[in-house]
Amino acid sequence: MKKVLLAVIAIALVVIAGCSKPPEAEMAAAQSAINNAKAAEAEQYAPQAFRMLSDSLNGAMAMKTEQDNKFALFRSYGDSKAMFERVATMSTDVINQANAEKERVKQEVTAMMAETKTLLDSAMVLLDKAPKGKDNKAELELIKNDLTNIGSEWMVAEGDFNGGKYLVARTKLESIKSRIASITAEICKAYEAKGKKCM
């Protein structure tokens, strides 16, 4: 009976010792998972999921710190260990979400680049054919300069796209597209002033 009691106590001590050991490996794996998610640009492409992932890591760290501050015999890292492990598991889904959204944005921006270039080329053709006179020559020259500058900006957006900065390129292209629409409207006024159809 005494041997059985000693064995139970020994097992209990092993269990307590196991629970009281800081989950350093799990914490390192969780931090690595966060770094992998950042490398996949999850902060930009899956912000809500990444925020949940970060919150889970912060929660696990808080649990660990709470146990660190307790007397050694009363420490229990079971909950924080489980949370760190959960972070590592969650990161796979977050990275998958980010990659899927990044690919979707890439396809969207690919189409935007082609559409914006077509609009720019059309505006240039429209400008070249615009009826010119002394009254609008200077204005049309300014419009031509604007379109030339927009062409340069389009090339910068293309460079961003080729560099994998799809969100940055999308923002620039949205602005360019809007400005081309405004400039096209201005060109059409030159046609209308001469009693001609714009398109």
N, C-alpha and C. Protein backbone atom coordinates (compact mmCIF):
# COMPACT_ATOMS: atom_id res chain seq x y z
N MET A 1 0.83 -1.20 0.00
CA MET A 1 0.00 0.00 0.00
C MET A 1 0.87 1.26 0.00
N LYS A 2 1.91 1.20 0.80
CA LYS A 2 2.82 2.33 0.90
C LYS A 2 3.52 2.57 -0.44
N LYS A 3 3.89 1.48 -1.13
CA LYS A 3 4.56 1.59 -2.43
C LYS A 3 3.62 2.20 -3.47
N VAL A 4 2.35 1.81 -3.40
CA VAL A 4 1.35 2.34 -4.33
C VAL A 4 1.17 3.84 -4.12
N LEU A 5 1.12 4.23 -2.84
CA LEU A 5 0.96 5.64 -2.50
C LEU A 5 2.15 6.46 -2.99
N LEU A 6 3.34 5.91 -2.78
CA LEU A 6 4.55 6.59 -3.24
C LEU A 6 4.57 6.72 -4.77
N ALA A 7 4.10 5.67 -5.44
CA ALA A 7 4.05 5.69 -6.91
C ALA A 7 3.08 6.77 -7.39
N VAL A 8 1.92 6.88 -6.74
CA VAL A 8 0.91 7.89 -7.10
C VAL A 8 1.48 9.29 -6.89
N ILE A 9 2.16 9.46 -5.75
CA ILE A 9 2.77 10.76 -5.46
C ILE A 9 3.83 11.11 -6.51
N ALA A 10 4.64 10.11 -6.87
CA ALA A 10 5.69 10.31 -7.87
C ALA A 10 5.10 10.72 -9.21
N ILE A 11 4.01 10.03 -9.60
CA ILE A 11 3.34 10.36 -10.87
C ILE A 11 2.76 11.78 -10.82
N ALA A 12 2.15 12.09 -9.68
CA ALA A 12 1.56 13.43 -9.51
C ALA A 12 2.64 14.51 -9.62
N LEU A 13 3.81 14.24 -9.03
CA LEU A 13 4.90 15.21 -9.10
C LEU A 13 5.40 15.38 -10.53
N VAL A 14 5.44 14.29 -11.28
CA VAL A 14 5.87 14.34 -12.69
C VAL A 14 4.88 15.18 -13.50
N VAL A 15 3.58 14.95 -13.24
CA VAL A 15 2.53 15.70 -13.94
C VAL A 15 2.64 17.19 -13.62
N ILE A 16 2.80 17.50 -12.32
CA ILE A 16 2.93 18.89 -11.89
C ILE A 16 4.16 19.53 -12.51
N ALA A 17 5.26 18.78 -12.52
CA ALA A 17 6.50 19.30 -13.10
C ALA A 17 6.33 19.57 -14.58
N GLY A 18 5.60 18.66 -15.24
CA GLY A 18 5.36 18.83 -16.68
C GLY A 18 4.53 20.05 -16.96
N CYS A 19 3.50 20.28 -16.12
CA CYS A 19 2.63 21.43 -16.31
C CYS A 19 3.31 22.74 -15.95
N SER A 20 4.28 22.67 -15.03
CA SER A 20 4.92 23.89 -14.55
C SER A 20 6.11 24.31 -15.41
N LYS A 21 6.43 23.50 -16.41
CA LYS A 21 7.55 23.84 -17.30
C LYS A 21 7.08 24.86 -18.35
N PRO A 22 7.75 26.01 -18.46
CA PRO A 22 7.33 27.03 -19.44
C PRO A 22 7.32 26.47 -20.86
N PRO A 23 6.28 26.78 -21.65
CA PRO A 23 6.16 26.25 -23.01
C PRO A 23 7.02 27.06 -24.01
N GLU A 24 8.32 27.00 -23.81
CA GLU A 24 9.23 27.80 -24.63
C GLU A 24 9.19 27.40 -26.11
N ALA A 25 9.19 26.08 -26.35
CA ALA A 25 9.18 25.60 -27.74
C ALA A 25 7.89 26.00 -28.45
N GLU A 26 6.76 25.86 -27.73
CA GLU A 26 5.46 26.21 -28.31
C GLU A 26 5.37 27.72 -28.57
N MET A 27 5.95 28.50 -27.64
CA MET A 27 5.95 29.95 -27.80
C MET A 27 6.79 30.35 -29.03
N ALA A 28 7.93 29.72 -29.20
CA ALA A 28 8.79 30.00 -30.35
C ALA A 28 8.10 29.62 -31.66
N ALA A 29 7.39 28.48 -31.63
CA ALA A 29 6.67 28.03 -32.83
C ALA A 29 5.54 29.00 -33.17
N ALA A 30 4.87 29.52 -32.15
CA ALA A 30 3.78 30.47 -32.36
C ALA A 30 4.31 31.78 -32.94
N GLN A 31 5.44 32.24 -32.42
CA GLN A 31 6.04 33.47 -32.93
C GLN A 31 6.50 33.30 -34.37
N SER A 32 7.04 32.12 -34.65
CA SER A 32 7.46 31.80 -36.03
C SER A 32 6.25 31.79 -36.96
N ALA A 33 5.13 31.29 -36.45
CA ALA A 33 3.89 31.25 -37.25
C ALA A 33 3.42 32.66 -37.58
N ILE A 34 3.52 33.55 -36.59
CA ILE A 34 3.16 34.96 -36.82
C ILE A 34 4.06 35.59 -37.88
N ASN A 35 5.36 35.30 -37.78
CA ASN A 35 6.32 35.83 -38.75
C ASN A 35 6.03 35.33 -40.16
N ASN A 36 5.64 34.05 -40.26
CA ASN A 36 5.29 33.47 -41.57
C ASN A 36 4.05 34.15 -42.14
N ALA A 37 3.09 34.45 -41.27
CA ALA A 37 1.87 35.14 -41.71
C ALA A 37 2.19 36.55 -42.19
N LYS A 38 3.11 37.22 -41.49
CA LYS A 38 3.53 38.55 -41.92
C LYS A 38 4.23 38.49 -43.28
N ALA A 39 5.07 37.47 -43.45
CA ALA A 39 5.79 37.30 -44.72
C ALA A 39 4.82 37.05 -45.87
N ALA A 40 3.67 36.44 -45.56
CA ALA A 40 2.63 36.19 -46.57
C ALA A 40 1.74 37.42 -46.78
N GLU A 41 2.10 38.52 -46.10
CA GLU A 41 1.37 39.79 -46.17
C GLU A 41 -0.08 39.66 -45.70
N ALA A 42 -0.26 38.82 -44.68
CA ALA A 42 -1.60 38.62 -44.12
C ALA A 42 -2.16 39.89 -43.50
N GLU A 43 -1.28 40.76 -43.01
CA GLU A 43 -1.74 42.03 -42.42
C GLU A 43 -2.49 42.87 -43.44
N GLN A 44 -2.07 42.77 -44.72
CA GLN A 44 -2.72 43.55 -45.78
C GLN A 44 -3.87 42.79 -46.44
N TYR A 45 -3.67 41.48 -46.67
CA TYR A 45 -4.63 40.73 -47.47
C TYR A 45 -5.66 39.94 -46.65
N ALA A 46 -5.38 39.72 -45.38
CA ALA A 46 -6.35 39.05 -44.49
C ALA A 46 -6.29 39.71 -43.12
N PRO A 47 -6.56 41.03 -43.07
CA PRO A 47 -6.35 41.80 -41.84
C PRO A 47 -7.14 41.30 -40.63
N GLN A 48 -8.39 40.93 -40.83
CA GLN A 48 -9.21 40.47 -39.71
C GLN A 48 -8.68 39.16 -39.14
N ALA A 49 -8.36 38.22 -40.03
CA ALA A 49 -7.83 36.93 -39.59
C ALA A 49 -6.47 37.11 -38.91
N PHE A 50 -5.64 38.00 -39.46
CA PHE A 50 -4.32 38.24 -38.87
C PHE A 50 -4.46 38.87 -37.49
N ARG A 51 -5.44 39.78 -37.35
CA ARG A 51 -5.66 40.42 -36.05
C ARG A 51 -6.06 39.38 -35.00
N MET A 52 -6.92 38.44 -35.38
CA MET A 52 -7.32 37.36 -34.47
C MET A 52 -6.12 36.51 -34.08
N LEU A 53 -5.26 36.25 -35.06
CA LEU A 53 -4.06 35.46 -34.81
C LEU A 53 -3.15 36.18 -33.81
N SER A 54 -2.95 37.47 -34.04
CA SER A 54 -2.11 38.27 -33.14
C SER A 54 -2.71 38.35 -31.73
N ASP A 55 -4.03 38.51 -31.67
CA ASP A 55 -4.71 38.57 -30.37
C ASP A 55 -4.54 37.25 -29.61
N SER A 56 -4.59 36.16 -30.35
CA SER A 56 -4.41 34.84 -29.72
C SER A 56 -3.00 34.69 -29.16
N LEU A 57 -2.01 35.18 -29.92
CA LEU A 57 -0.63 35.13 -29.43
C LEU A 57 -0.48 36.00 -28.18
N ASN A 58 -1.05 37.19 -28.23
CA ASN A 58 -0.97 38.08 -27.07
C ASN A 58 -1.65 37.47 -25.84
N GLY A 59 -2.76 36.78 -26.08
CA GLY A 59 -3.47 36.11 -24.99
C GLY A 59 -2.62 35.00 -24.38
N ALA A 60 -1.97 34.23 -25.25
CA ALA A 60 -1.10 33.15 -24.77
C ALA A 60 0.08 33.72 -23.98
N MET A 61 0.64 34.81 -24.46
CA MET A 61 1.76 35.45 -23.76
C MET A 61 1.32 35.95 -22.38
N ALA A 62 0.10 36.52 -22.33
CA ALA A 62 -0.42 37.02 -21.05
C ALA A 62 -0.62 35.87 -20.07
N MET A 63 -1.13 34.74 -20.55
CA MET A 63 -1.31 33.56 -19.70
C MET A 63 0.02 33.07 -19.16
N LYS A 64 1.01 33.03 -20.04
CA LYS A 64 2.34 32.56 -19.63
C LYS A 64 2.93 33.50 -18.57
N THR A 65 2.83 34.80 -18.82
CA THR A 65 3.37 35.79 -17.89
C THR A 65 2.70 35.67 -16.52
N GLU A 66 1.39 35.43 -16.55
CA GLU A 66 0.65 35.26 -15.29
C GLU A 66 1.21 34.09 -14.48
N GLN A 67 1.51 32.99 -15.17
CA GLN A 67 2.06 31.81 -14.49
C GLN A 67 3.51 32.05 -14.07
N ASP A 68 4.25 32.79 -14.89
CA ASP A 68 5.65 33.11 -14.55
C ASP A 68 5.73 33.82 -13.20
N ASN A 69 4.72 34.63 -12.91
CA ASN A 69 4.72 35.45 -11.70
C ASN A 69 4.26 34.69 -10.45
N LYS A 70 3.84 33.44 -10.65
CA LYS A 70 3.40 32.64 -9.51
C LYS A 70 4.57 31.88 -8.90
N PHE A 71 4.37 31.44 -7.67
CA PHE A 71 5.36 30.59 -7.00
C PHE A 71 5.53 29.31 -7.80
N ALA A 72 6.76 28.82 -7.94
CA ALA A 72 7.09 27.70 -8.83
C ALA A 72 6.15 26.50 -8.69
N LEU A 73 5.84 26.09 -7.45
CA LEU A 73 5.00 24.90 -7.26
C LEU A 73 3.56 25.09 -7.73
N PHE A 74 3.14 26.36 -7.87
CA PHE A 74 1.75 26.63 -8.25
C PHE A 74 1.60 27.02 -9.73
N ARG A 75 2.70 26.98 -10.45
CA ARG A 75 2.64 27.32 -11.87
C ARG A 75 2.00 26.19 -12.68
N SER A 76 1.19 26.59 -13.66
CA SER A 76 0.59 25.63 -14.57
C SER A 76 0.48 26.28 -15.95
N TYR A 77 1.28 25.79 -16.88
CA TYR A 77 1.35 26.39 -18.21
C TYR A 77 0.49 25.68 -19.24
N GLY A 78 -0.39 24.80 -18.77
CA GLY A 78 -1.21 24.02 -19.70
C GLY A 78 -2.04 24.87 -20.64
N ASP A 79 -2.70 25.91 -20.11
CA ASP A 79 -3.56 26.75 -20.93
C ASP A 79 -2.76 27.57 -21.95
N SER A 80 -1.65 28.14 -21.48
CA SER A 80 -0.85 28.95 -22.41
C SER A 80 -0.21 28.07 -23.48
N LYS A 81 0.21 26.88 -23.10
CA LYS A 81 0.78 25.95 -24.08
C LYS A 81 -0.23 25.63 -25.17
N ALA A 82 -1.47 25.33 -24.74
CA ALA A 82 -2.53 25.02 -25.70
C ALA A 82 -2.81 26.20 -26.62
N MET A 83 -2.78 27.41 -26.04
CA MET A 83 -3.03 28.60 -26.84
C MET A 83 -1.91 28.85 -27.85
N PHE A 84 -0.67 28.65 -27.44
CA PHE A 84 0.46 28.80 -28.37
C PHE A 84 0.32 27.80 -29.52
N GLU A 85 -0.05 26.58 -29.18
CA GLU A 85 -0.23 25.55 -30.21
C GLU A 85 -1.36 25.92 -31.16
N ARG A 86 -2.40 26.53 -30.60
CA ARG A 86 -3.55 26.96 -31.42
C ARG A 86 -3.12 28.05 -32.41
N VAL A 87 -2.25 28.95 -31.96
CA VAL A 87 -1.74 30.01 -32.83
C VAL A 87 -1.01 29.40 -34.04
N ALA A 88 -0.17 28.42 -33.76
CA ALA A 88 0.58 27.77 -34.83
C ALA A 88 -0.36 27.10 -35.83
N THR A 89 -1.44 26.50 -35.32
CA THR A 89 -2.41 25.83 -36.19
C THR A 89 -3.22 26.86 -36.99
N MET A 90 -3.65 27.92 -36.31
CA MET A 90 -4.44 28.98 -36.97
C MET A 90 -3.68 29.65 -38.10
N SER A 91 -2.37 29.77 -37.94
CA SER A 91 -1.57 30.53 -38.92
C SER A 91 -1.68 29.95 -40.32
N THR A 92 -1.82 28.65 -40.43
CA THR A 92 -1.93 28.00 -41.75
C THR A 92 -3.14 28.52 -42.49
N ASP A 93 -4.27 28.61 -41.78
CA ASP A 93 -5.50 29.10 -42.40
C ASP A 93 -5.37 30.58 -42.76
N VAL A 94 -4.73 31.35 -41.89
CA VAL A 94 -4.55 32.78 -42.14
C VAL A 94 -3.69 33.00 -43.38
N ILE A 95 -2.62 32.23 -43.49
CA ILE A 95 -1.72 32.33 -44.66
C ILE A 95 -2.47 31.94 -45.93
N ASN A 96 -3.28 30.89 -45.86
CA ASN A 96 -4.06 30.46 -47.02
C ASN A 96 -5.04 31.55 -47.45
N GLN A 97 -5.69 32.18 -46.46
CA GLN A 97 -6.62 33.29 -46.76
C GLN A 97 -5.89 34.44 -47.45
N ALA A 98 -4.72 34.78 -46.92
CA ALA A 98 -3.93 35.88 -47.48
C ALA A 98 -3.50 35.58 -48.91
N ASN A 99 -3.04 34.37 -49.14
CA ASN A 99 -2.59 33.98 -50.48
C ASN A 99 -3.74 34.01 -51.49
N ALA A 100 -4.92 33.55 -51.06
CA ALA A 100 -6.09 33.53 -51.94
C ALA A 100 -6.52 34.96 -52.29
N GLU A 101 -6.54 35.83 -51.28
CA GLU A 101 -6.95 37.22 -51.52
C GLU A 101 -5.92 37.95 -52.37
N LYS A 102 -4.65 37.65 -52.14
CA LYS A 102 -3.59 38.28 -52.93
C LYS A 102 -3.72 37.90 -54.41
N GLU A 103 -4.02 36.65 -54.66
CA GLU A 103 -4.20 36.19 -56.04
C GLU A 103 -5.43 36.85 -56.67
N ARG A 104 -6.50 36.99 -55.87
CA ARG A 104 -7.71 37.65 -56.38
C ARG A 104 -7.42 39.11 -56.76
N VAL A 105 -6.70 39.81 -55.88
CA VAL A 105 -6.35 41.20 -56.13
C VAL A 105 -5.42 41.30 -57.35
N LYS A 106 -4.52 40.36 -57.47
CA LYS A 106 -3.61 40.34 -58.63
C LYS A 106 -4.38 40.28 -59.93
N GLN A 107 -5.39 39.38 -59.98
CA GLN A 107 -6.20 39.25 -61.19
C GLN A 107 -7.01 40.52 -61.45
N GLU A 108 -7.54 41.10 -60.37
CA GLU A 108 -8.31 42.34 -60.49
C GLU A 108 -7.46 43.48 -61.05
N VAL A 109 -6.24 43.59 -60.51
CA VAL A 109 -5.35 44.68 -60.93
C VAL A 109 -4.84 44.44 -62.36
N THR A 110 -4.66 43.18 -62.73
CA THR A 110 -4.26 42.87 -64.11
C THR A 110 -5.29 43.43 -65.09
N ALA A 111 -6.57 43.20 -64.78
CA ALA A 111 -7.65 43.71 -65.63
C ALA A 111 -7.70 45.24 -65.59
N MET A 112 -7.48 45.82 -64.40
CA MET A 112 -7.50 47.28 -64.25
C MET A 112 -6.40 47.93 -65.07
N MET A 113 -5.22 47.29 -65.10
CA MET A 113 -4.09 47.85 -65.85
C MET A 113 -4.43 47.92 -67.34
N ALA A 114 -5.01 46.84 -67.85
CA ALA A 114 -5.37 46.80 -69.28
C ALA A 114 -6.46 47.83 -69.58
N GLU A 115 -7.46 47.90 -68.70
CA GLU A 115 -8.57 48.84 -68.91
C GLU A 115 -8.08 50.29 -68.86
N THR A 116 -7.25 50.59 -67.86
CA THR A 116 -6.75 51.96 -67.70
C THR A 116 -5.87 52.38 -68.87
N LYS A 117 -5.05 51.45 -69.36
CA LYS A 117 -4.19 51.75 -70.53
C LYS A 117 -5.04 52.02 -71.76
N THR A 118 -6.11 51.26 -71.93
CA THR A 118 -7.02 51.47 -73.06
C THR A 118 -7.68 52.84 -72.98
N LEU A 119 -8.12 53.21 -71.77
CA LEU A 119 -8.74 54.52 -71.57
C LEU A 119 -7.76 55.66 -71.85
N LEU A 120 -6.51 55.46 -71.40
CA LEU A 120 -5.47 56.47 -71.63
C LEU A 120 -5.19 56.62 -73.12
N ASP A 121 -5.04 55.50 -73.82
CA ASP A 121 -4.77 55.55 -75.27
C ASP A 121 -5.94 56.20 -76.01
N SER A 122 -7.16 55.88 -75.59
CA SER A 122 -8.35 56.46 -76.23
C SER A 122 -8.42 57.97 -76.02
N ALA A 123 -8.05 58.40 -74.79
CA ALA A 123 -8.05 59.84 -74.49
C ALA A 123 -7.02 60.56 -75.35
N MET A 124 -5.86 59.92 -75.55
CA MET A 124 -4.80 60.51 -76.39
C MET A 124 -5.28 60.66 -77.84
N VAL A 125 -5.94 59.62 -78.36
CA VAL A 125 -6.46 59.66 -79.73
C VAL A 125 -7.52 60.75 -79.86
N LEU A 126 -8.39 60.81 -78.87
CA LEU A 126 -9.46 61.82 -78.84
C LEU A 126 -8.87 63.23 -78.84
N LEU A 127 -7.81 63.39 -78.06
CA LEU A 127 -7.15 64.69 -77.97
C LEU A 127 -6.50 65.08 -79.30
N ASP A 128 -5.85 64.11 -79.93
CA ASP A 128 -5.18 64.37 -81.21
C ASP A 128 -6.18 64.82 -82.29
N LYS A 129 -7.40 64.29 -82.22
CA LYS A 129 -8.42 64.61 -83.23
C LYS A 129 -9.30 65.80 -82.83
N ALA A 130 -9.06 66.33 -81.63
CA ALA A 130 -9.89 67.44 -81.14
C ALA A 130 -9.72 68.67 -82.03
N PRO A 131 -10.83 69.35 -82.33
CA PRO A 131 -10.75 70.57 -83.14
C PRO A 131 -10.00 71.67 -82.38
N LYS A 132 -8.98 72.18 -83.04
CA LYS A 132 -8.12 73.17 -82.37
C LYS A 132 -8.30 74.56 -82.98
N GLY A 133 -8.17 75.53 -82.12
CA GLY A 133 -8.26 76.92 -82.56
C GLY A 133 -7.46 77.79 -81.61
N LYS A 134 -7.38 79.07 -81.93
CA LYS A 134 -6.63 79.97 -81.05
C LYS A 134 -7.21 80.02 -79.64
N ASP A 135 -8.53 79.84 -79.57
CA ASP A 135 -9.21 79.95 -78.28
C ASP A 135 -8.95 78.78 -77.35
N ASN A 136 -8.58 77.62 -77.90
CA ASN A 136 -8.41 76.44 -77.03
C ASN A 136 -7.05 75.76 -77.16
N LYS A 137 -6.17 76.33 -77.96
CA LYS A 137 -4.86 75.70 -78.19
C LYS A 137 -4.07 75.49 -76.90
N ALA A 138 -4.00 76.53 -76.06
CA ALA A 138 -3.24 76.44 -74.80
C ALA A 138 -3.86 75.42 -73.85
N GLU A 139 -5.19 75.42 -73.83
CA GLU A 139 -5.89 74.48 -72.94
C GLU A 139 -5.66 73.04 -73.35
N LEU A 140 -5.70 72.80 -74.66
CA LEU A 140 -5.47 71.44 -75.17
C LEU A 140 -4.03 71.00 -74.92
N GLU A 141 -3.12 71.95 -74.96
CA GLU A 141 -1.71 71.63 -74.69
C GLU A 141 -1.53 71.21 -73.23
N LEU A 142 -2.23 71.89 -72.34
CA LEU A 142 -2.19 71.53 -70.91
C LEU A 142 -2.77 70.13 -70.69
N ILE A 143 -3.85 69.84 -71.40
CA ILE A 143 -4.48 68.52 -71.30
C ILE A 143 -3.52 67.44 -71.79
N LYS A 144 -2.80 67.76 -72.87
CA LYS A 144 -1.82 66.80 -73.40
C LYS A 144 -0.73 66.52 -72.37
N ASN A 145 -0.27 67.58 -71.70
CA ASN A 145 0.75 67.40 -70.65
C ASN A 145 0.22 66.53 -69.51
N ASP A 146 -1.04 66.78 -69.15
CA ASP A 146 -1.66 65.98 -68.08
C ASP A 146 -1.69 64.50 -68.46
N LEU A 147 -2.09 64.22 -69.69
CA LEU A 147 -2.15 62.83 -70.15
C LEU A 147 -0.77 62.19 -70.21
N THR A 148 0.22 62.98 -70.59
CA THR A 148 1.60 62.47 -70.63
C THR A 148 2.06 62.11 -69.21
N ASN A 149 1.73 62.97 -68.26
CA ASN A 149 2.08 62.69 -66.86
C ASN A 149 1.36 61.46 -66.33
N ILE A 150 0.11 61.33 -66.72
CA ILE A 150 -0.66 60.15 -66.31
C ILE A 150 -0.05 58.88 -66.89
N GLY A 151 0.45 59.00 -68.14
CA GLY A 151 1.12 57.84 -68.75
C GLY A 151 2.33 57.41 -67.94
N SER A 152 3.07 58.40 -67.42
CA SER A 152 4.24 58.09 -66.57
C SER A 152 3.79 57.45 -65.26
N GLU A 153 2.69 57.95 -64.71
CA GLU A 153 2.16 57.38 -63.47
C GLU A 153 1.68 55.95 -63.68
N TRP A 154 1.11 55.70 -64.85
CA TRP A 154 0.66 54.34 -65.18
C TRP A 154 1.86 53.39 -65.18
N MET A 155 2.97 53.85 -65.71
CA MET A 155 4.18 53.02 -65.75
C MET A 155 4.70 52.74 -64.34
N VAL A 156 4.57 53.73 -63.44
CA VAL A 156 4.96 53.53 -62.04
C VAL A 156 4.07 52.47 -61.41
N ALA A 157 2.76 52.56 -61.69
CA ALA A 157 1.81 51.56 -61.17
C ALA A 157 2.13 50.17 -61.71
N GLU A 158 2.53 50.13 -62.97
CA GLU A 158 2.93 48.85 -63.59
C GLU A 158 4.15 48.28 -62.86
N GLY A 159 5.08 49.17 -62.50
CA GLY A 159 6.27 48.73 -61.76
C GLY A 159 5.90 48.18 -60.40
N ASP A 160 4.94 48.83 -59.73
CA ASP A 160 4.45 48.33 -58.44
C ASP A 160 3.84 46.94 -58.61
N PHE A 161 3.04 46.79 -59.66
CA PHE A 161 2.41 45.50 -59.94
C PHE A 161 3.46 44.42 -60.17
N ASN A 162 4.43 44.72 -61.00
CA ASN A 162 5.48 43.74 -61.30
C ASN A 162 6.31 43.41 -60.07
N GLY A 163 6.35 44.35 -59.10
CA GLY A 163 7.07 44.12 -57.85
C GLY A 163 6.21 43.43 -56.80
N GLY A 164 5.00 43.03 -57.19
CA GLY A 164 4.12 42.31 -56.26
C GLY A 164 3.34 43.21 -55.32
N LYS A 165 3.41 44.53 -55.53
CA LYS A 165 2.68 45.48 -54.68
C LYS A 165 1.30 45.74 -55.29
N TYR A 166 0.46 44.72 -55.24
CA TYR A 166 -0.82 44.78 -55.95
C TYR A 166 -1.78 45.81 -55.36
N LEU A 167 -1.82 45.92 -54.05
CA LEU A 167 -2.72 46.88 -53.41
C LEU A 167 -2.30 48.32 -53.72
N VAL A 168 -1.00 48.55 -53.71
CA VAL A 168 -0.47 49.88 -54.03
C VAL A 168 -0.82 50.23 -55.48
N ALA A 169 -0.59 49.27 -56.38
CA ALA A 169 -0.89 49.49 -57.80
C ALA A 169 -2.38 49.75 -58.00
N ARG A 170 -3.22 49.02 -57.29
CA ARG A 170 -4.67 49.20 -57.44
C ARG A 170 -5.10 50.62 -57.05
N THR A 171 -4.56 51.10 -55.93
CA THR A 171 -4.89 52.45 -55.47
C THR A 171 -4.48 53.49 -56.51
N LYS A 172 -3.29 53.34 -57.07
CA LYS A 172 -2.81 54.29 -58.08
C LYS A 172 -3.66 54.23 -59.34
N LEU A 173 -4.01 53.02 -59.76
CA LEU A 173 -4.80 52.86 -60.98
C LEU A 173 -6.21 53.42 -60.82
N GLU A 174 -6.78 53.28 -59.63
CA GLU A 174 -8.10 53.85 -59.37
C GLU A 174 -8.07 55.37 -59.53
N SER A 175 -7.01 55.99 -59.01
CA SER A 175 -6.84 57.44 -59.14
C SER A 175 -6.64 57.83 -60.60
N ILE A 176 -5.79 57.08 -61.30
CA ILE A 176 -5.51 57.37 -62.71
C ILE A 176 -6.78 57.27 -63.55
N LYS A 177 -7.55 56.22 -63.31
CA LYS A 177 -8.78 55.99 -64.06
C LYS A 177 -9.76 57.15 -63.88
N SER A 178 -9.87 57.62 -62.65
CA SER A 178 -10.76 58.74 -62.34
C SER A 178 -10.31 60.02 -63.05
N ARG A 179 -9.01 60.25 -63.05
CA ARG A 179 -8.47 61.46 -63.69
C ARG A 179 -8.62 61.41 -65.20
N ILE A 180 -8.46 60.23 -65.78
CA ILE A 180 -8.65 60.10 -67.24
C ILE A 180 -10.09 60.43 -67.60
N ALA A 181 -11.04 59.98 -66.77
CA ALA A 181 -12.45 60.26 -67.03
C ALA A 181 -12.71 61.76 -67.02
N SER A 182 -12.09 62.46 -66.06
CA SER A 182 -12.27 63.92 -65.96
C SER A 182 -11.65 64.63 -67.17
N ILE A 183 -10.47 64.16 -67.57
CA ILE A 183 -9.77 64.78 -68.70
C ILE A 183 -10.53 64.52 -70.01
N THR A 184 -11.07 63.31 -70.14
CA THR A 184 -11.85 62.99 -71.34
C THR A 184 -13.07 63.90 -71.45
N ALA A 185 -13.68 64.19 -70.31
CA ALA A 185 -14.83 65.10 -70.30
C ALA A 185 -14.40 66.50 -70.75
N GLU A 186 -13.21 66.92 -70.35
CA GLU A 186 -12.68 68.23 -70.77
C GLU A 186 -12.42 68.26 -72.28
N ILE A 187 -11.88 67.16 -72.79
CA ILE A 187 -11.61 67.08 -74.24
C ILE A 187 -12.93 67.17 -75.01
N CYS A 188 -13.94 66.51 -74.50
CA CYS A 188 -15.25 66.50 -75.17
C CYS A 188 -15.84 67.91 -75.24
N LYS A 189 -15.54 68.73 -74.25
CA LYS A 189 -16.02 70.11 -74.27
C LYS A 189 -15.45 70.87 -75.46
N ALA A 190 -14.20 70.54 -75.82
CA ALA A 190 -13.57 71.18 -76.97
C ALA A 190 -14.29 70.80 -78.26
N TYR A 191 -14.74 69.55 -78.33
CA TYR A 191 -15.50 69.10 -79.50
C TYR A 191 -16.85 69.83 -79.55
N GLU A 192 -17.51 69.84 -78.40
CA GLU A 192 -18.85 70.43 -78.33
C GLU A 192 -18.82 71.94 -78.65
N ALA A 193 -17.73 72.60 -78.22
CA ALA A 193 -17.60 74.04 -78.49
C ALA A 193 -17.53 74.34 -79.98
N LYS A 194 -17.07 73.35 -80.75
CA LYS A 194 -16.97 73.50 -82.21
C LYS A 194 -18.14 72.84 -82.94
N GLY A 195 -19.14 72.39 -82.13
CA GLY A 195 -20.32 71.78 -82.71
C GLY A 195 -20.09 70.38 -83.26
N LYS A 196 -19.11 69.67 -82.71
CA LYS A 196 -18.80 68.31 -83.16
C LYS A 196 -19.06 67.29 -82.06
N LYS A 197 -19.27 66.05 -82.50
CA LYS A 197 -19.49 64.97 -81.54
C LYS A 197 -18.14 64.48 -81.01
N CYS A 198 -18.12 64.19 -79.73
CA CYS A 198 -16.87 63.78 -79.08
C CYS A 198 -16.51 62.35 -79.43
N MET A 199 -17.46 61.45 -79.29
CA MET A 199 -17.15 60.03 -79.48
C MET A 199 -17.62 59.54 -80.86
